[in-house]
Amino acid sequence: MKNSENSHSISVGDFYGKFGEKLGLEPISGENGLERRIISPSAKKPGLRMIEKKIELERGNIQVLGRTEISYINGFPDRTQKKIISNLLSNDIPCFILSKGASPEKSFIEHFEKEGIPLFTTTLGTGKFITILNELLAEEFATRITVHGVLLDVHHTGVLILGKSGIGKSECAIDLIIQGSKLIADDVVEIRKIGSQTLVGVGPENIRYLVEVRGIGIVNIKDLFGTTCVMEKREIDMVVELHQWNSETEYDRLGLDTKTYSILDIELPYIVLPVSPGRNMASVIDVAVRNQILKETGKKIEIPSGTRE
């Protein structure tokens, strides 16, 4: 497991390249300012601060201007408009975004070009746009680590499979995919902490949906099995670790022990499964996931007295 990292900033240009299509963005001014840095994981709306003589906005935040703000500016004569716009642009804001329905005058757009501050439009309404944008920024700025493993969606449960190299994680993943599971990442899993209790896993874009199968080589799961067998990202719900069978190791035989695995200070249900020749690990993991789902519903297995040795 690698050390955690924090993404402290992203350039406006990279932000547009990464999220522009999802957010329905179109640049209309200030494109020479695309190197400006976004340093906050949330977008803001000036709102009532527009009426203040000195408009103070959070430095490094994306600012969203809706019909309310633009109508307020348009209601003043040109000279007053220039003062308000200059006031807005004095706050070291990386970029501004006009939501659906916000129609500024030409002079407004020219100010952004002159100051080199990027201005975008979006096809989305203000409320929906800010909600989606803040979700994307939260993921972008989240604390993250990378682990060597496989992440799958098994019965709508995010399962992170760990184990030493060569133990059969990838082959096990393919068996599970054939049974109906979905692949998120193989070999390298990037895990992001969203909020205080959620871990989301994704695969690196350059190797997404690729799996190395010994004896065959690298295969593309999306091309082989179709889009229904892959997912871009998934919340992680439990961890399964594959261990080479060792006769001297005591394994849980009754399922009474509750273990957890800590990732970024979040505890996840944890199961250790011994691997031995002839054992169908995909089926064992399938059963382990089903059993964990049952546990979370509160169902318990009654163990007859004297069963535990």
C-alpha atoms as a PDB file:
ATOM      1  CA  MET A   1       0.000   0.000   0.000  1.00  0.00           C
ATOM      2  CA  LYS A   2       1.393   3.393  -0.955  1.00  0.00           C
ATOM      3  CA  ASN A   3       1.328   6.525   1.167  1.00  0.00           C
ATOM      4  CA  SER A   4      -1.700   8.758   0.978  1.00  0.00           C
ATOM      5  CA  GLU A   5      -1.651  11.846  -1.176  1.00  0.00           C
ATOM      6  CA  ASN A   6      -3.715  14.984  -1.319  1.00  0.00           C
ATOM      7  CA  SER A   7      -4.450  16.835  -4.545  1.00  0.00           C
ATOM      8  CA  HIS A   8      -4.091  20.443  -3.397  1.00  0.00           C
ATOM      9  CA  SER A   9      -4.890  22.181  -6.675  1.00  0.00           C
ATOM     10  CA  ILE A  10      -5.784  21.720 -10.314  1.00  0.00           C
ATOM     11  CA  SER A  11      -5.352  24.165 -13.179  1.00  0.00           C
ATOM     12  CA  VAL A  12      -8.462  25.559 -14.836  1.00  0.00           C
ATOM     13  CA  GLY A  13      -7.309  24.016 -18.117  1.00  0.00           C
ATOM     14  CA  ASP A  14      -6.983  20.543 -16.587  1.00  0.00           C
ATOM     15  CA  PHE A  15     -10.319  21.002 -14.827  1.00  0.00           C
ATOM     16  CA  TYR A  16     -12.003  21.818 -18.136  1.00  0.00           C
ATOM     17  CA  GLY A  17     -10.323  18.921 -19.925  1.00  0.00           C
ATOM     18  CA  LYS A  18     -11.324  16.468 -17.213  1.00  0.00           C
ATOM     19  CA  PHE A  19     -14.854  17.604 -16.372  1.00  0.00           C
ATOM     20  CA  GLY A  20     -15.940  19.931 -19.175  1.00  0.00           C
ATOM     21  CA  GLU A  21     -18.096  17.383 -20.980  1.00  0.00           C
ATOM     22  CA  LYS A  22     -19.773  16.095 -17.798  1.00  0.00           C
ATOM     23  CA  LEU A  23     -20.603  19.645 -16.735  1.00  0.00           C
ATOM     24  CA  GLY A  24     -21.699  20.914 -20.151  1.00  0.00           C
ATOM     25  CA  LEU A  25     -19.018  23.623 -20.129  1.00  0.00           C
ATOM     26  CA  GLU A  26     -18.120  25.944 -22.983  1.00  0.00           C
ATOM     27  CA  PRO A  27     -15.291  28.535 -22.688  1.00  0.00           C
ATOM     28  CA  ILE A  28     -16.290  31.998 -23.864  1.00  0.00           C
ATOM     29  CA  SER A  29     -13.560  34.292 -22.547  1.00  0.00           C
ATOM     30  CA  GLY A  30     -10.205  34.510 -20.772  1.00  0.00           C
ATOM     31  CA  GLU A  31      -8.664  31.388 -22.279  1.00  0.00           C
ATOM     32  CA  ASN A  32      -5.155  32.766 -21.706  1.00  0.00           C
ATOM     33  CA  GLY A  33      -5.779  32.268 -17.974  1.00  0.00           C
ATOM     34  CA  LEU A  34      -6.212  28.479 -18.090  1.00  0.00           C
ATOM     35  CA  GLU A  35      -3.109  27.997 -15.913  1.00  0.00           C
ATOM     36  CA  ARG A  36      -4.835  29.660 -12.951  1.00  0.00           C
ATOM     37  CA  ARG A  37      -5.166  27.237 -10.027  1.00  0.00           C
ATOM     38  CA  ILE A  38      -8.322  25.933  -8.354  1.00  0.00           C
ATOM     39  CA  ILE A  39      -7.381  25.272  -4.716  1.00  0.00           C
ATOM     40  CA  SER A  40     -10.749  24.616  -3.080  1.00  0.00           C
ATOM     41  CA  PRO A  41     -12.932  21.469  -3.371  1.00  0.00           C
ATOM     42  CA  SER A  42     -16.177  23.430  -3.481  1.00  0.00           C
ATOM     43  CA  ALA A  43     -17.856  25.918  -5.794  1.00  0.00           C
ATOM     44  CA  LYS A  44     -19.567  29.046  -4.506  1.00  0.00           C
ATOM     45  CA  LYS A  45     -22.248  31.483  -5.617  1.00  0.00           C
ATOM     46  CA  PRO A  46     -21.812  35.194  -4.756  1.00  0.00           C
ATOM     47  CA  GLY A  47     -25.521  35.683  -4.011  1.00  0.00           C
ATOM     48  CA  LEU A  48     -26.253  38.632  -1.721  1.00  0.00           C
ATOM     49  CA  ARG A  49     -22.586  39.600  -1.518  1.00  0.00           C
ATOM     50  CA  MET A  50     -23.090  41.205  -4.920  1.00  0.00           C
ATOM     51  CA  ILE A  51     -24.762  44.204  -3.272  1.00  0.00           C
ATOM     52  CA  GLU A  52     -21.770  44.986  -1.033  1.00  0.00           C
ATOM     53  CA  LYS A  53     -19.430  47.846  -1.904  1.00  0.00           C
ATOM     54  CA  LYS A  54     -16.469  45.511  -1.479  1.00  0.00           C
ATOM     55  CA  ILE A  55     -17.344  42.060  -2.794  1.00  0.00           C
ATOM     56  CA  GLU A  56     -15.272  39.536  -0.837  1.00  0.00           C
ATOM     57  CA  LEU A  57     -15.206  36.031  -2.277  1.00  0.00           C
ATOM     58  CA  GLU A  58     -13.298  32.931  -1.174  1.00  0.00           C
ATOM     59  CA  ARG A  59      -9.883  32.851  -2.842  1.00  0.00           C
ATOM     60  CA  GLY A  60      -9.300  29.839  -5.075  1.00  0.00           C
ATOM     61  CA  ASN A  61     -12.981  28.864  -5.327  1.00  0.00           C
ATOM     62  CA  ILE A  62     -14.823  28.450  -8.600  1.00  0.00           C
ATOM     63  CA  GLN A  63     -17.598  31.049  -8.622  1.00  0.00           C
ATOM     64  CA  VAL A  64     -20.943  30.323 -10.267  1.00  0.00           C
ATOM     65  CA  LEU A  65     -23.026  33.217 -11.574  1.00  0.00           C
ATOM     66  CA  GLY A  66     -26.704  32.587 -12.170  1.00  0.00           C
ATOM     67  CA  ARG A  67     -29.568  34.657 -13.520  1.00  0.00           C
ATOM     68  CA  THR A  68     -29.896  36.488 -10.197  1.00  0.00           C
ATOM     69  CA  GLU A  69     -26.324  37.806 -10.236  1.00  0.00           C
ATOM     70  CA  ILE A  70     -26.303  38.656 -13.953  1.00  0.00           C
ATOM     71  CA  SER A  71     -29.716  40.378 -13.811  1.00  0.00           C
ATOM     72  CA  TYR A  72     -28.438  42.438 -10.872  1.00  0.00           C
ATOM     73  CA  ILE A  73     -25.381  43.565 -12.854  1.00  0.00           C
ATOM     74  CA  ASN A  74     -27.383  44.237 -16.031  1.00  0.00           C
ATOM     75  CA  GLY A  75     -29.714  46.518 -14.087  1.00  0.00           C
ATOM     76  CA  PHE A  76     -27.032  49.200 -13.676  1.00  0.00           C
ATOM     77  CA  PRO A  77     -25.618  51.718 -16.157  1.00  0.00           C
ATOM     78  CA  ASP A  78     -22.327  50.831 -17.866  1.00  0.00           C
ATOM     79  CA  ARG A  79     -20.123  52.773 -15.453  1.00  0.00           C
ATOM     80  CA  THR A  80     -21.570  51.032 -12.391  1.00  0.00           C
ATOM     81  CA  GLN A  81     -21.419  47.663 -14.131  1.00  0.00           C
ATOM     82  CA  LYS A  82     -17.692  48.126 -14.697  1.00  0.00           C
ATOM     83  CA  LYS A  83     -17.148  48.824 -10.987  1.00  0.00           C
ATOM     84  CA  ILE A  84     -19.092  45.725  -9.945  1.00  0.00           C
ATOM     85  CA  ILE A  85     -17.267  43.513 -12.435  1.00  0.00           C
ATOM     86  CA  SER A  86     -13.854  44.912 -11.437  1.00  0.00           C
ATOM     87  CA  ASN A  87     -14.823  44.273  -7.819  1.00  0.00           C
ATOM     88  CA  LEU A  88     -15.712  40.672  -8.660  1.00  0.00           C
ATOM     89  CA  LEU A  89     -12.473  40.067 -10.532  1.00  0.00           C
ATOM     90  CA  SER A  90     -10.254  41.449  -7.760  1.00  0.00           C
ATOM     91  CA  ASN A  91     -10.784  38.362  -5.567  1.00  0.00           C
ATOM     92  CA  ASP A  92      -8.177  36.018  -7.108  1.00  0.00           C
ATOM     93  CA  ILE A  93     -10.855  33.671  -8.426  1.00  0.00           C
ATOM     94  CA  PRO A  94      -9.529  30.959 -10.798  1.00  0.00           C
ATOM     95  CA  CYS A  95     -12.589  31.022 -13.073  1.00  0.00           C
ATOM     96  CA  PHE A  96     -16.257  31.963 -13.272  1.00  0.00           C
ATOM     97  CA  ILE A  97     -19.080  29.875 -14.709  1.00  0.00           C
ATOM     98  CA  LEU A  98     -22.399  31.183 -16.030  1.00  0.00           C
ATOM     99  CA  SER A  99     -25.262  28.791 -15.353  1.00  0.00           C
ATOM    100  CA  LYS A 100     -28.141  28.159 -17.762  1.00  0.00           C
ATOM    101  CA  GLY A 101     -30.228  31.277 -18.384  1.00  0.00           C
ATOM    102  CA  ALA A 102     -27.560  33.781 -17.306  1.00  0.00           C
ATOM    103  CA  SER A 103     -27.116  36.223 -20.207  1.00  0.00           C
ATOM    104  CA  PRO A 104     -24.485  38.904 -19.562  1.00  0.00           C
ATOM    105  CA  GLU A 105     -23.836  41.870 -21.815  1.00  0.00           C
ATOM    106  CA  LYS A 106     -20.885  41.919 -24.208  1.00  0.00           C
ATOM    107  CA  SER A 107     -18.922  44.329 -22.001  1.00  0.00           C
ATOM    108  CA  PHE A 108     -19.101  41.806 -19.135  1.00  0.00           C
ATOM    109  CA  ILE A 109     -17.400  39.132 -21.241  1.00  0.00           C
ATOM    110  CA  GLU A 110     -14.784  41.619 -22.486  1.00  0.00           C
ATOM    111  CA  HIS A 111     -13.694  42.327 -18.894  1.00  0.00           C
ATOM    112  CA  PHE A 112     -12.789  38.667 -18.391  1.00  0.00           C
ATOM    113  CA  GLU A 113     -10.793  38.619 -21.619  1.00  0.00           C
ATOM    114  CA  LYS A 114      -8.918  41.750 -20.587  1.00  0.00           C
ATOM    115  CA  GLU A 115      -8.073  40.390 -17.114  1.00  0.00           C
ATOM    116  CA  GLY A 116      -7.217  36.892 -18.373  1.00  0.00           C
ATOM    117  CA  ILE A 117      -9.746  35.174 -16.124  1.00  0.00           C
ATOM    118  CA  PRO A 118     -11.508  32.169 -17.699  1.00  0.00           C
ATOM    119  CA  LEU A 119     -15.271  32.432 -18.121  1.00  0.00           C
ATOM    120  CA  PHE A 120     -17.419  29.436 -19.033  1.00  0.00           C
ATOM    121  CA  THR A 121     -21.073  28.770 -19.706  1.00  0.00           C
ATOM    122  CA  THR A 122     -22.897  25.584 -18.734  1.00  0.00           C
ATOM    123  CA  THR A 123     -26.054  23.995 -20.090  1.00  0.00           C
ATOM    124  CA  LEU A 124     -27.116  23.110 -16.529  1.00  0.00           C
ATOM    125  CA  GLY A 125     -29.214  25.139 -14.107  1.00  0.00           C
ATOM    126  CA  THR A 126     -27.475  26.655 -11.076  1.00  0.00           C
ATOM    127  CA  GLY A 127     -28.622  24.193  -8.402  1.00  0.00           C
ATOM    128  CA  LYS A 128     -27.977  21.030 -10.395  1.00  0.00           C
ATOM    129  CA  PHE A 129     -24.678  22.359 -11.699  1.00  0.00           C
ATOM    130  CA  ILE A 130     -23.276  23.217  -8.257  1.00  0.00           C
ATOM    131  CA  THR A 131     -24.344  19.825  -6.865  1.00  0.00           C
ATOM    132  CA  ILE A 132     -22.590  17.885  -9.641  1.00  0.00           C
ATOM    133  CA  LEU A 133     -19.559  20.182  -9.610  1.00  0.00           C
ATOM    134  CA  ASN A 134     -19.047  19.848  -5.853  1.00  0.00           C
ATOM    135  CA  GLU A 135     -19.255  16.045  -6.087  1.00  0.00           C
ATOM    136  CA  LEU A 136     -16.586  16.026  -8.798  1.00  0.00           C
ATOM    137  CA  LEU A 137     -14.357  18.440  -6.877  1.00  0.00           C
ATOM    138  CA  ALA A 138     -14.726  16.410  -3.663  1.00  0.00           C
ATOM    139  CA  GLU A 139     -13.364  13.350  -5.480  1.00  0.00           C
ATOM    140  CA  GLU A 140     -10.630  15.345  -7.213  1.00  0.00           C
ATOM    141  CA  PHE A 141      -9.338  16.824  -3.939  1.00  0.00           C
ATOM    142  CA  ALA A 142      -9.871  13.708  -1.821  1.00  0.00           C
ATOM    143  CA  THR A 143      -7.076  12.077   0.162  1.00  0.00           C
ATOM    144  CA  ARG A 144      -6.048   8.997  -1.780  1.00  0.00           C
ATOM    145  CA  ILE A 145      -3.803   5.955  -1.792  1.00  0.00           C
ATOM    146  CA  THR A 146      -3.003   3.265  -4.341  1.00  0.00           C
ATOM    147  CA  VAL A 147      -3.021  -0.442  -3.513  1.00  0.00           C
ATOM    148  CA  HIS A 148      -2.002  -3.581  -5.372  1.00  0.00           C
ATOM    149  CA  GLY A 149      -5.200  -5.568  -5.755  1.00  0.00           C
ATOM    150  CA  VAL A 150      -8.453  -6.049  -7.641  1.00  0.00           C
ATOM    151  CA  LEU A 151     -11.717  -4.159  -7.149  1.00  0.00           C
ATOM    152  CA  LEU A 152     -14.993  -5.770  -8.210  1.00  0.00           C
ATOM    153  CA  ASP A 153     -18.700  -5.219  -7.815  1.00  0.00           C
ATOM    154  CA  VAL A 154     -20.018  -8.560  -6.531  1.00  0.00           C
ATOM    155  CA  HIS A 155     -23.770  -8.675  -5.840  1.00  0.00           C
ATOM    156  CA  HIS A 156     -23.815  -4.845  -5.672  1.00  0.00           C
ATOM    157  CA  THR A 157     -21.042  -4.942  -3.063  1.00  0.00           C
ATOM    158  CA  GLY A 158     -17.660  -3.298  -3.612  1.00  0.00           C
ATOM    159  CA  VAL A 159     -15.066  -6.013  -2.914  1.00  0.00           C
ATOM    160  CA  LEU A 160     -11.353  -5.211  -2.732  1.00  0.00           C
ATOM    161  CA  ILE A 161      -9.302  -8.392  -3.247  1.00  0.00           C
ATOM    162  CA  LEU A 162      -5.758  -8.320  -1.864  1.00  0.00           C
ATOM    163  CA  GLY A 163      -2.953 -10.886  -1.871  1.00  0.00           C
ATOM    164  CA  LYS A 164       0.646 -11.469  -2.874  1.00  0.00           C
ATOM    165  CA  SER A 165       1.612 -11.278  -6.533  1.00  0.00           C
ATOM    166  CA  GLY A 166       0.925 -14.541  -8.346  1.00  0.00           C
ATOM    167  CA  ILE A 167      -1.640 -15.874  -5.890  1.00  0.00           C
ATOM    168  CA  GLY A 168      -4.412 -15.689  -8.505  1.00  0.00           C
ATOM    169  CA  LYS A 169      -6.303 -12.443  -7.886  1.00  0.00           C
ATOM    170  CA  SER A 170      -6.760 -11.669 -11.590  1.00  0.00           C
ATOM    171  CA  GLU A 171      -7.846 -15.205 -12.524  1.00  0.00           C
ATOM    172  CA  CYS A 172     -10.295 -15.147  -9.629  1.00  0.00           C
ATOM    173  CA  ALA A 173     -11.634 -11.806 -10.890  1.00  0.00           C
ATOM    174  CA  ILE A 174     -12.268 -13.241 -14.361  1.00  0.00           C
ATOM    175  CA  ASP A 175     -14.192 -16.181 -12.869  1.00  0.00           C
ATOM    176  CA  LEU A 176     -16.330 -13.732 -10.888  1.00  0.00           C
ATOM    177  CA  ILE A 177     -16.926 -11.588 -13.993  1.00  0.00           C
ATOM    178  CA  ILE A 178     -18.100 -14.682 -15.890  1.00  0.00           C
ATOM    179  CA  GLN A 179     -20.527 -15.268 -13.001  1.00  0.00           C
ATOM    180  CA  GLY A 180     -21.929 -11.737 -13.369  1.00  0.00           C
ATOM    181  CA  SER A 181     -19.662  -9.456 -11.338  1.00  0.00           C
ATOM    182  CA  LYS A 182     -18.251  -6.161 -12.661  1.00  0.00           C
ATOM    183  CA  LEU A 183     -14.606  -5.089 -12.831  1.00  0.00           C
ATOM    184  CA  ILE A 184     -13.511  -1.676 -11.632  1.00  0.00           C
ATOM    185  CA  ALA A 185      -9.735  -2.109 -11.440  1.00  0.00           C
ATOM    186  CA  ASP A 186      -7.077  -4.800 -11.652  1.00  0.00           C
ATOM    187  CA  ASP A 187      -3.499  -4.652 -10.349  1.00  0.00           C
ATOM    188  CA  VAL A 188      -3.589  -0.962  -9.357  1.00  0.00           C
ATOM    189  CA  VAL A 189      -6.556   0.413  -7.412  1.00  0.00           C
ATOM    190  CA  GLU A 190      -6.689   4.107  -6.546  1.00  0.00           C
ATOM    191  CA  ILE A 191      -8.727   4.604  -3.379  1.00  0.00           C
ATOM    192  CA  ARG A 192     -10.165   8.010  -2.500  1.00  0.00           C
ATOM    193  CA  LYS A 193     -11.647   9.024   0.829  1.00  0.00           C
ATOM    194  CA  ILE A 194     -14.889  10.914   0.288  1.00  0.00           C
ATOM    195  CA  GLY A 195     -16.267  12.538   3.421  1.00  0.00           C
ATOM    196  CA  SER A 196     -15.539  10.775   6.705  1.00  0.00           C
ATOM    197  CA  GLN A 197     -16.879   7.266   6.068  1.00  0.00           C
ATOM    198  CA  THR A 198     -16.719   6.515   2.336  1.00  0.00           C
ATOM    199  CA  LEU A 199     -13.956   4.954   0.245  1.00  0.00           C
ATOM    200  CA  VAL A 200     -14.267   4.983  -3.546  1.00  0.00           C
ATOM    201  CA  GLY A 201     -11.997   2.924  -5.793  1.00  0.00           C
ATOM    202  CA  VAL A 202     -11.092   3.600  -9.432  1.00  0.00           C
ATOM    203  CA  GLY A 203      -8.553   2.241 -11.902  1.00  0.00           C
ATOM    204  CA  PRO A 204      -5.823   4.341 -13.551  1.00  0.00           C
ATOM    205  CA  GLU A 205      -7.191   5.613 -16.852  1.00  0.00           C
ATOM    206  CA  ASN A 206      -4.306   4.239 -18.948  1.00  0.00           C
ATOM    207  CA  ILE A 207      -4.853   0.627 -17.775  1.00  0.00           C
ATOM    208  CA  ARG A 208      -8.574   0.753 -16.980  1.00  0.00           C
ATOM    209  CA  TYR A 209     -10.362  -2.587 -17.529  1.00  0.00           C
ATOM    210  CA  LEU A 210      -7.120  -4.362 -18.486  1.00  0.00           C
ATOM    211  CA  VAL A 211      -6.310  -7.681 -16.792  1.00  0.00           C
ATOM    212  CA  GLU A 212      -3.129  -9.727 -17.082  1.00  0.00           C
ATOM    213  CA  VAL A 213      -3.805 -13.454 -17.383  1.00  0.00           C
ATOM    214  CA  ARG A 214      -0.744 -15.673 -17.094  1.00  0.00           C
ATOM    215  CA  GLY A 215      -0.362 -17.776 -20.236  1.00  0.00           C
ATOM    216  CA  ILE A 216      -2.638 -15.520 -22.298  1.00  0.00           C
ATOM    217  CA  GLY A 217      -1.353 -12.002 -21.716  1.00  0.00           C
ATOM    218  CA  ILE A 218      -3.234  -8.747 -21.219  1.00  0.00           C
ATOM    219  CA  VAL A 219      -6.940  -8.772 -22.034  1.00  0.00           C
ATOM    220  CA  ASN A 220      -9.493  -5.957 -22.139  1.00  0.00           C
ATOM    221  CA  ILE A 221     -12.506  -6.955 -20.047  1.00  0.00           C
ATOM    222  CA  LYS A 222     -14.725  -4.268 -21.572  1.00  0.00           C
ATOM    223  CA  ASP A 223     -13.990  -5.505 -25.101  1.00  0.00           C
ATOM    224  CA  LEU A 224     -14.251  -9.192 -24.163  1.00  0.00           C
ATOM    225  CA  PHE A 225     -17.412  -9.131 -22.059  1.00  0.00           C
ATOM    226  CA  GLY A 226     -19.076  -5.795 -22.863  1.00  0.00           C
ATOM    227  CA  THR A 227     -19.826  -2.586 -21.003  1.00  0.00           C
ATOM    228  CA  THR A 228     -22.203  -4.315 -18.569  1.00  0.00           C
ATOM    229  CA  CYS A 229     -19.232  -6.131 -17.013  1.00  0.00           C
ATOM    230  CA  VAL A 230     -17.247  -3.032 -16.021  1.00  0.00           C
ATOM    231  CA  MET A 231     -17.730   0.044 -13.828  1.00  0.00           C
ATOM    232  CA  GLU A 232     -15.705   3.262 -13.746  1.00  0.00           C
ATOM    233  CA  LYS A 233     -15.717   3.533  -9.950  1.00  0.00           C
ATOM    234  CA  ARG A 234     -17.222   1.822  -6.917  1.00  0.00           C
ATOM    235  CA  GLU A 235     -17.587   2.405  -3.209  1.00  0.00           C
ATOM    236  CA  ILE A 236     -15.567  -0.200  -1.301  1.00  0.00           C
ATOM    237  CA  ASP A 237     -17.663  -2.202   1.170  1.00  0.00           C
ATOM    238  CA  MET A 238     -15.376  -5.055   2.227  1.00  0.00           C
ATOM    239  CA  VAL A 239     -11.854  -6.461   1.872  1.00  0.00           C
ATOM    240  CA  VAL A 240     -10.967 -10.062   1.003  1.00  0.00           C
ATOM    241  CA  GLU A 241      -7.340 -11.154   1.287  1.00  0.00           C
ATOM    242  CA  LEU A 242      -6.071 -14.332  -0.366  1.00  0.00           C
ATOM    243  CA  HIS A 243      -3.399 -16.232   1.591  1.00  0.00           C
ATOM    244  CA  GLN A 244      -1.413 -19.241   0.441  1.00  0.00           C
ATOM    245  CA  TRP A 245      -2.650 -22.223   2.466  1.00  0.00           C
ATOM    246  CA  ASN A 246      -0.435 -22.940   5.463  1.00  0.00           C
ATOM    247  CA  SER A 247      -1.204 -25.970   7.614  1.00  0.00           C
ATOM    248  CA  GLU A 248       0.300 -24.217  10.631  1.00  0.00           C
ATOM    249  CA  THR A 249      -1.998 -21.205  10.307  1.00  0.00           C
ATOM    250  CA  GLU A 250      -5.307 -21.256  12.148  1.00  0.00           C
ATOM    251  CA  TYR A 251      -8.144 -20.042   9.912  1.00  0.00           C
ATOM    252  CA  ASP A 252     -11.646 -19.019  10.977  1.00  0.00           C
ATOM    253  CA  ARG A 253     -13.806 -22.123  10.601  1.00  0.00           C
ATOM    254  CA  LEU A 254     -17.096 -20.955  12.076  1.00  0.00           C
ATOM    255  CA  GLY A 255     -17.325 -17.350  10.947  1.00  0.00           C
ATOM    256  CA  LEU A 256     -17.740 -16.074  14.488  1.00  0.00           C
ATOM    257  CA  ASP A 257     -14.719 -13.797  14.417  1.00  0.00           C
ATOM    258  CA  THR A 258     -15.278 -10.237  13.212  1.00  0.00           C
ATOM    259  CA  LYS A 259     -12.225  -8.659  11.621  1.00  0.00           C
ATOM    260  CA  THR A 260     -11.738  -5.258  10.032  1.00  0.00           C
ATOM    261  CA  TYR A 261      -9.196  -3.777   7.642  1.00  0.00           C
ATOM    262  CA  SER A 262      -8.252  -0.107   7.973  1.00  0.00           C
ATOM    263  CA  ILE A 263      -7.885   2.093   4.897  1.00  0.00           C
ATOM    264  CA  LEU A 264      -7.427   5.845   5.415  1.00  0.00           C
ATOM    265  CA  ASP A 265      -8.776   5.454   8.979  1.00  0.00           C
ATOM    266  CA  ILE A 266     -11.969   3.759   7.803  1.00  0.00           C
ATOM    267  CA  GLU A 267     -12.602   0.224   9.063  1.00  0.00           C
ATOM    268  CA  LEU A 268     -14.006  -2.270   6.538  1.00  0.00           C
ATOM    269  CA  PRO A 269     -15.199  -5.876   7.030  1.00  0.00           C
ATOM    270  CA  TYR A 270     -12.189  -8.133   6.398  1.00  0.00           C
ATOM    271  CA  ILE A 271     -12.010 -11.807   5.464  1.00  0.00           C
ATOM    272  CA  VAL A 272      -8.878 -13.928   4.992  1.00  0.00           C
ATOM    273  CA  LEU A 273      -9.320 -16.843   2.573  1.00  0.00           C
ATOM    274  CA  PRO A 274      -6.709 -19.613   2.267  1.00  0.00           C
ATOM    275  CA  VAL A 275      -5.809 -20.597  -1.294  1.00  0.00           C
ATOM    276  CA  SER A 276      -5.021 -24.243  -2.028  1.00  0.00           C
ATOM    277  CA  PRO A 277      -4.893 -26.383  -5.212  1.00  0.00           C
ATOM    278  CA  GLY A 278      -8.344 -27.304  -6.510  1.00  0.00           C
ATOM    279  CA  ARG A 279     -10.187 -24.739  -4.406  1.00  0.00           C
ATOM    280  CA  ASN A 280     -12.582 -22.586  -6.462  1.00  0.00           C
ATOM    281  CA  MET A 281     -11.761 -19.178  -4.984  1.00  0.00           C
ATOM    282  CA  ALA A 282     -14.316 -17.293  -7.101  1.00  0.00           C
ATOM    283  CA  SER A 283     -17.135 -19.380  -5.628  1.00  0.00           C
ATOM    284  CA  VAL A 284     -15.702 -18.973  -2.124  1.00  0.00           C
ATOM    285  CA  ILE A 285     -15.565 -15.178  -2.531  1.00  0.00           C
ATOM    286  CA  ASP A 286     -19.113 -15.203  -3.921  1.00  0.00           C
ATOM    287  CA  VAL A 287     -20.289 -17.034  -0.789  1.00  0.00           C
ATOM    288  CA  ALA A 288     -18.264 -14.709   1.469  1.00  0.00           C
ATOM    289  CA  VAL A 289     -19.951 -11.671  -0.076  1.00  0.00           C
ATOM    290  CA  ARG A 290     -23.428 -13.178   0.209  1.00  0.00           C
ATOM    291  CA  ASN A 291     -22.703 -14.062   3.829  1.00  0.00           C
ATOM    292  CA  GLN A 292     -21.532 -10.510   4.584  1.00  0.00           C
ATOM    293  CA  ILE A 293     -24.731  -9.131   3.062  1.00  0.00           C
ATOM    294  CA  LEU A 294     -26.753 -11.435   5.335  1.00  0.00           C
ATOM    295  CA  LYS A 295     -24.757 -10.307   8.377  1.00  0.00           C
ATOM    296  CA  GLU A 296     -25.543  -6.685   7.592  1.00  0.00           C
ATOM    297  CA  THR A 297     -29.262  -7.502   7.593  1.00  0.00           C
ATOM    298  CA  GLY A 298     -28.863  -8.757  11.164  1.00  0.00           C
ATOM    299  CA  LYS A 299     -29.267 -12.467  10.441  1.00  0.00           C
ATOM    300  CA  LYS A 300     -27.104 -14.775  12.551  1.00  0.00           C
ATOM    301  CA  ILE A 301     -26.209 -18.436  12.201  1.00  0.00           C
ATOM    302  CA  GLU A 302     -26.894 -20.494  15.292  1.00  0.00           C
ATOM    303  CA  ILE A 303     -23.820 -22.620  16.024  1.00  0.00           C
ATOM    304  CA  PRO A 304     -24.602 -25.801  18.058  1.00  0.00           C
ATOM    305  CA  SER A 305     -22.799 -25.892  21.387  1.00  0.00           C
ATOM    306  CA  GLY A 306     -19.610 -27.923  21.361  1.00  0.00           C
ATOM    307  CA  THR A 307     -18.957 -27.309  17.658  1.00  0.00           C
ATOM    308  CA  ARG A 308     -15.961 -25.065  18.279  1.00  0.00           C
ATOM    309  CA  GLU A 309     -12.936 -27.138  19.192  1.00  0.00           C
END
